[in-house]
């Protein structure tokens, strides 16, 4: 998928990026949020959040993508809580990706929990954006058509920074 196709697939679509648990490492999440914004997505950065709060934000914002950042080493338990909460809320149409310091053996477990893709530390931003675009495009058949949003330029909303 070339750059124009990637941008077209993401243009004007909404993403939520959140930190799981109380991990203090926020830079990677902000960098990825900015890359998604630069690719045309509307990005809501939640900062630190818990599964229940993330579900509420997803229900309110109706994103096509949720990006979870975790560097604390507790990614299996935290992502399990999120994916369980998403299933209970019927949020199966949302693409969920995770990133951070996640060993390869745990990446397989996260996918088994329902995370669509895992990006390790050092993943190139262009690769992340391209993969997100492909995942969002593939998942669109599950989404209930909503009213078309008014055209606008990409923006980022910071709800809770630290």
C-alpha atoms as a PDB file:
ATOM      1  CA  UNK A   1       0.000   0.000   0.000  1.00  0.00           C
ATOM      2  CA  UNK A   2       1.571   3.293  -1.081  1.00  0.00           C
ATOM      3  CA  UNK A   3       1.599   6.507   0.924  1.00  0.00           C
ATOM      4  CA  UNK A   4      -1.455   8.061  -0.814  1.00  0.00           C
ATOM      5  CA  UNK A   5      -3.517   4.907  -0.196  1.00  0.00           C
ATOM      6  CA  UNK A   6      -2.446   4.775   3.459  1.00  0.00           C
ATOM      7  CA  UNK A   7      -3.382   8.406   4.025  1.00  0.00           C
ATOM      8  CA  UNK A   8      -6.683   8.015   2.162  1.00  0.00           C
ATOM      9  CA  UNK A   9      -7.617   5.008   4.299  1.00  0.00           C
ATOM     10  CA  UNK A  10      -6.963   6.911   7.533  1.00  0.00           C
ATOM     11  CA  UNK A  11      -8.095  10.411   6.544  1.00  0.00           C
ATOM     12  CA  UNK A  12     -10.617  11.790   9.014  1.00  0.00           C
ATOM     13  CA  UNK A  13     -10.937   8.538  10.959  1.00  0.00           C
ATOM     14  CA  UNK A  14     -10.620   8.617  14.709  1.00  0.00           C
ATOM     15  CA  UNK A  15      -8.049   6.903  16.913  1.00  0.00           C
ATOM     16  CA  UNK A  16      -7.626   6.739  20.660  1.00  0.00           C
ATOM     17  CA  UNK A  17      -4.134   6.296  22.074  1.00  0.00           C
ATOM     18  CA  UNK A  18      -3.818   5.385  25.746  1.00  0.00           C
ATOM     19  CA  UNK A  19      -1.236   4.334  28.296  1.00  0.00           C
ATOM     20  CA  UNK A  20      -2.084   1.280  30.347  1.00  0.00           C
ATOM     21  CA  UNK A  21      -1.543   1.255  34.079  1.00  0.00           C
ATOM     22  CA  UNK A  22       0.725   3.710  35.798  1.00  0.00           C
ATOM     23  CA  UNK A  23       3.695   3.419  33.468  1.00  0.00           C
ATOM     24  CA  UNK A  24       5.487   6.772  33.386  1.00  0.00           C
ATOM     25  CA  UNK A  25       6.952   6.333  29.890  1.00  0.00           C
ATOM     26  CA  UNK A  26       4.769   8.433  27.607  1.00  0.00           C
ATOM     27  CA  UNK A  27       7.054   9.532  24.773  1.00  0.00           C
ATOM     28  CA  UNK A  28       6.422   6.536  22.483  1.00  0.00           C
ATOM     29  CA  UNK A  29       2.658   6.926  22.765  1.00  0.00           C
ATOM     30  CA  UNK A  30       2.901  10.617  21.875  1.00  0.00           C
ATOM     31  CA  UNK A  31       5.211   9.915  18.920  1.00  0.00           C
ATOM     32  CA  UNK A  32       2.826   7.276  17.533  1.00  0.00           C
ATOM     33  CA  UNK A  33      -0.191   9.534  18.155  1.00  0.00           C
ATOM     34  CA  UNK A  34       1.533  12.285  16.170  1.00  0.00           C
ATOM     35  CA  UNK A  35       2.383   9.879  13.331  1.00  0.00           C
ATOM     36  CA  UNK A  36      -1.269   8.821  13.127  1.00  0.00           C
ATOM     37  CA  UNK A  37      -2.336  12.469  13.170  1.00  0.00           C
ATOM     38  CA  UNK A  38       0.156  13.261  10.415  1.00  0.00           C
ATOM     39  CA  UNK A  39      -1.387  10.415   8.383  1.00  0.00           C
ATOM     40  CA  UNK A  40      -4.757  12.154   8.607  1.00  0.00           C
ATOM     41  CA  UNK A  41      -6.383  10.606  11.661  1.00  0.00           C
ATOM     42  CA  UNK A  42      -8.161  12.489  14.410  1.00  0.00           C
ATOM     43  CA  UNK A  43      -6.313  11.353  17.525  1.00  0.00           C
ATOM     44  CA  UNK A  44      -7.527  11.468  21.098  1.00  0.00           C
ATOM     45  CA  UNK A  45      -4.690  10.872  23.556  1.00  0.00           C
ATOM     46  CA  UNK A  46      -6.036   9.688  26.897  1.00  0.00           C
ATOM     47  CA  UNK A  47      -2.796   9.324  28.780  1.00  0.00           C
ATOM     48  CA  UNK A  48      -2.967   6.859  31.675  1.00  0.00           C
ATOM     49  CA  UNK A  49      -6.241   4.993  31.720  1.00  0.00           C
ATOM     50  CA  UNK A  50      -7.971   1.907  33.043  1.00  0.00           C
ATOM     51  CA  UNK A  51     -10.052  -0.562  31.044  1.00  0.00           C
ATOM     52  CA  UNK A  52     -13.433   0.817  32.177  1.00  0.00           C
ATOM     53  CA  UNK A  53     -12.429   4.386  31.352  1.00  0.00           C
ATOM     54  CA  UNK A  54     -11.111   3.286  27.972  1.00  0.00           C
ATOM     55  CA  UNK A  55     -14.413   1.551  27.170  1.00  0.00           C
ATOM     56  CA  UNK A  56     -16.294   4.737  28.083  1.00  0.00           C
ATOM     57  CA  UNK A  57     -14.005   6.804  25.852  1.00  0.00           C
ATOM     58  CA  UNK A  58     -14.423   4.372  22.949  1.00  0.00           C
ATOM     59  CA  UNK A  59     -18.200   4.437  23.326  1.00  0.00           C
ATOM     60  CA  UNK A  60     -18.161   8.241  23.373  1.00  0.00           C
ATOM     61  CA  UNK A  61     -15.597   8.882  20.633  1.00  0.00           C
ATOM     62  CA  UNK A  62     -16.406   5.945  18.282  1.00  0.00           C
ATOM     63  CA  UNK A  63     -12.852   5.428  17.003  1.00  0.00           C
ATOM     64  CA  UNK A  64     -11.829   2.893  14.376  1.00  0.00           C
ATOM     65  CA  UNK A  65      -8.543   2.329  16.219  1.00  0.00           C
ATOM     66  CA  UNK A  66      -7.333   2.045  19.798  1.00  0.00           C
ATOM     67  CA  UNK A  67      -3.594   2.105  20.377  1.00  0.00           C
ATOM     68  CA  UNK A  68      -2.371   0.827  23.731  1.00  0.00           C
ATOM     69  CA  UNK A  69       1.077   1.722  25.003  1.00  0.00           C
ATOM     70  CA  UNK A  70       2.708  -0.316  27.719  1.00  0.00           C
ATOM     71  CA  UNK A  71       6.243  -0.406  29.007  1.00  0.00           C
ATOM     72  CA  UNK A  72       5.598  -1.569  32.563  1.00  0.00           C
ATOM     73  CA  UNK A  73       5.904  -5.310  31.988  1.00  0.00           C
ATOM     74  CA  UNK A  74       2.292  -5.880  33.011  1.00  0.00           C
ATOM     75  CA  UNK A  75       1.018  -5.850  29.428  1.00  0.00           C
ATOM     76  CA  UNK A  76      -0.596  -9.303  29.482  1.00  0.00           C
ATOM     77  CA  UNK A  77      -2.846  -8.561  32.453  1.00  0.00           C
ATOM     78  CA  UNK A  78      -3.600  -5.006  31.333  1.00  0.00           C
ATOM     79  CA  UNK A  79      -4.432  -5.948  27.743  1.00  0.00           C
ATOM     80  CA  UNK A  80      -6.503  -8.901  28.950  1.00  0.00           C
ATOM     81  CA  UNK A  81      -8.591  -6.506  31.055  1.00  0.00           C
ATOM     82  CA  UNK A  82      -9.041  -4.155  28.099  1.00  0.00           C
ATOM     83  CA  UNK A  83      -9.965  -6.879  25.619  1.00  0.00           C
ATOM     84  CA  UNK A  84     -12.377  -8.502  28.092  1.00  0.00           C
ATOM     85  CA  UNK A  85     -14.027  -5.124  28.697  1.00  0.00           C
ATOM     86  CA  UNK A  86     -14.230  -4.441  24.947  1.00  0.00           C
ATOM     87  CA  UNK A  87     -15.893  -7.810  24.281  1.00  0.00           C
ATOM     88  CA  UNK A  88     -18.368  -7.240  27.133  1.00  0.00           C
ATOM     89  CA  UNK A  89     -19.253  -3.839  25.660  1.00  0.00           C
ATOM     90  CA  UNK A  90     -19.624  -5.226  22.120  1.00  0.00           C
ATOM     91  CA  UNK A  91     -16.697  -3.235  20.749  1.00  0.00           C
ATOM     92  CA  UNK A  92     -15.531  -5.946  18.354  1.00  0.00           C
ATOM     93  CA  UNK A  93     -15.360  -3.594  15.377  1.00  0.00           C
ATOM     94  CA  UNK A  94     -12.542  -1.472  16.834  1.00  0.00           C
ATOM     95  CA  UNK A  95      -8.996  -2.275  15.741  1.00  0.00           C
ATOM     96  CA  UNK A  96      -6.748  -2.652  18.803  1.00  0.00           C
ATOM     97  CA  UNK A  97      -2.981  -2.430  18.555  1.00  0.00           C
ATOM     98  CA  UNK A  98      -0.423  -2.472  21.338  1.00  0.00           C
ATOM     99  CA  UNK A  99       3.111  -1.230  21.501  1.00  0.00           C
ATOM    100  CA  UNK A 100       5.989  -0.999  23.889  1.00  0.00           C
ATOM    101  CA  UNK A 101       8.511  -3.252  25.533  1.00  0.00           C
ATOM    102  CA  UNK A 102       6.771  -6.526  24.802  1.00  0.00           C
ATOM    103  CA  UNK A 103       8.802  -9.724  24.362  1.00  0.00           C
ATOM    104  CA  UNK A 104       8.007 -11.813  21.251  1.00  0.00           C
ATOM    105  CA  UNK A 105       6.510 -14.655  23.326  1.00  0.00           C
ATOM    106  CA  UNK A 106       4.088 -12.183  24.914  1.00  0.00           C
ATOM    107  CA  UNK A 107       3.203 -10.683  21.531  1.00  0.00           C
ATOM    108  CA  UNK A 108       1.738 -14.044  20.529  1.00  0.00           C
ATOM    109  CA  UNK A 109      -0.318 -14.136  23.741  1.00  0.00           C
ATOM    110  CA  UNK A 110      -1.596 -10.602  23.176  1.00  0.00           C
ATOM    111  CA  UNK A 111      -2.819 -11.548  19.712  1.00  0.00           C
ATOM    112  CA  UNK A 112      -4.536 -14.590  21.257  1.00  0.00           C
ATOM    113  CA  UNK A 113      -6.280 -12.200  23.675  1.00  0.00           C
ATOM    114  CA  UNK A 114      -7.658 -10.259  20.709  1.00  0.00           C
ATOM    115  CA  UNK A 115      -5.096  -7.528  20.122  1.00  0.00           C
ATOM    116  CA  UNK A 116      -4.895  -7.128  16.343  1.00  0.00           C
ATOM    117  CA  UNK A 117      -1.193  -6.334  16.131  1.00  0.00           C
ATOM    118  CA  UNK A 118       1.732  -5.673  18.454  1.00  0.00           C
ATOM    119  CA  UNK A 119       4.563  -3.267  17.696  1.00  0.00           C
ATOM    120  CA  UNK A 120       7.789  -3.580  19.628  1.00  0.00           C
ATOM    121  CA  UNK A 121      10.136  -0.828  20.685  1.00  0.00           C
ATOM    122  CA  UNK A 122      11.860   0.653  17.657  1.00  0.00           C
ATOM    123  CA  UNK A 123       9.126  -0.200  15.153  1.00  0.00           C
ATOM    124  CA  UNK A 124       9.401   2.292  12.284  1.00  0.00           C
ATOM    125  CA  UNK A 125       6.570   4.821  12.313  1.00  0.00           C
ATOM    126  CA  UNK A 126       5.899   4.312   8.609  1.00  0.00           C
ATOM    127  CA  UNK A 127       5.432   0.583   9.257  1.00  0.00           C
ATOM    128  CA  UNK A 128       3.042   1.251  12.144  1.00  0.00           C
ATOM    129  CA  UNK A 129       0.948   3.656  10.070  1.00  0.00           C
ATOM    130  CA  UNK A 130       0.882   1.286   7.095  1.00  0.00           C
ATOM    131  CA  UNK A 131      -0.174  -1.674   9.241  1.00  0.00           C
ATOM    132  CA  UNK A 132      -2.823   0.379  11.036  1.00  0.00           C
ATOM    133  CA  UNK A 133      -4.191   1.484   7.669  1.00  0.00           C
ATOM    134  CA  UNK A 134      -4.426  -2.122   6.478  1.00  0.00           C
ATOM    135  CA  UNK A 135      -6.105  -3.245   9.709  1.00  0.00           C
ATOM    136  CA  UNK A 136      -8.621  -0.389   9.675  1.00  0.00           C
ATOM    137  CA  UNK A 137      -9.441  -1.036   6.017  1.00  0.00           C
ATOM    138  CA  UNK A 138      -9.923  -4.762   6.648  1.00  0.00           C
ATOM    139  CA  UNK A 139     -12.161  -4.179   9.679  1.00  0.00           C
ATOM    140  CA  UNK A 140     -14.502  -1.650   8.054  1.00  0.00           C
ATOM    141  CA  UNK A 141     -17.038  -4.280   7.003  1.00  0.00           C
ATOM    142  CA  UNK A 142     -17.902  -4.785  10.695  1.00  0.00           C
ATOM    143  CA  UNK A 143     -18.677  -1.147  11.431  1.00  0.00           C
ATOM    144  CA  UNK A 144     -22.214   0.156  11.393  1.00  0.00           C
ATOM    145  CA  UNK A 145     -22.331   3.069   8.968  1.00  0.00           C
ATOM    146  CA  UNK A 146     -22.471   6.322  10.897  1.00  0.00           C
ATOM    147  CA  UNK A 147     -23.272   9.763   9.656  1.00  0.00           C
ATOM    148  CA  UNK A 148     -20.432  11.042   7.538  1.00  0.00           C
ATOM    149  CA  UNK A 149     -18.290  13.453   9.529  1.00  0.00           C
ATOM    150  CA  UNK A 150     -17.807  16.951   8.256  1.00  0.00           C
ATOM    151  CA  UNK A 151     -14.550  17.281   6.358  1.00  0.00           C
ATOM    152  CA  UNK A 152     -11.784  18.825   8.432  1.00  0.00           C
ATOM    153  CA  UNK A 153      -8.084  18.685   8.889  1.00  0.00           C
ATOM    154  CA  UNK A 154      -6.519  16.131  11.205  1.00  0.00           C
ATOM    155  CA  UNK A 155      -6.331  17.161  14.819  1.00  0.00           C
ATOM    156  CA  UNK A 156      -5.208  15.788  18.121  1.00  0.00           C
ATOM    157  CA  UNK A 157      -7.022  16.164  21.381  1.00  0.00           C
ATOM    158  CA  UNK A 158      -5.160  15.701  24.621  1.00  0.00           C
ATOM    159  CA  UNK A 159      -7.561  14.749  27.392  1.00  0.00           C
ATOM    160  CA  UNK A 160      -5.048  13.850  30.069  1.00  0.00           C
ATOM    161  CA  UNK A 161      -1.387  14.466  29.449  1.00  0.00           C
ATOM    162  CA  UNK A 162       0.389  13.187  32.557  1.00  0.00           C
END
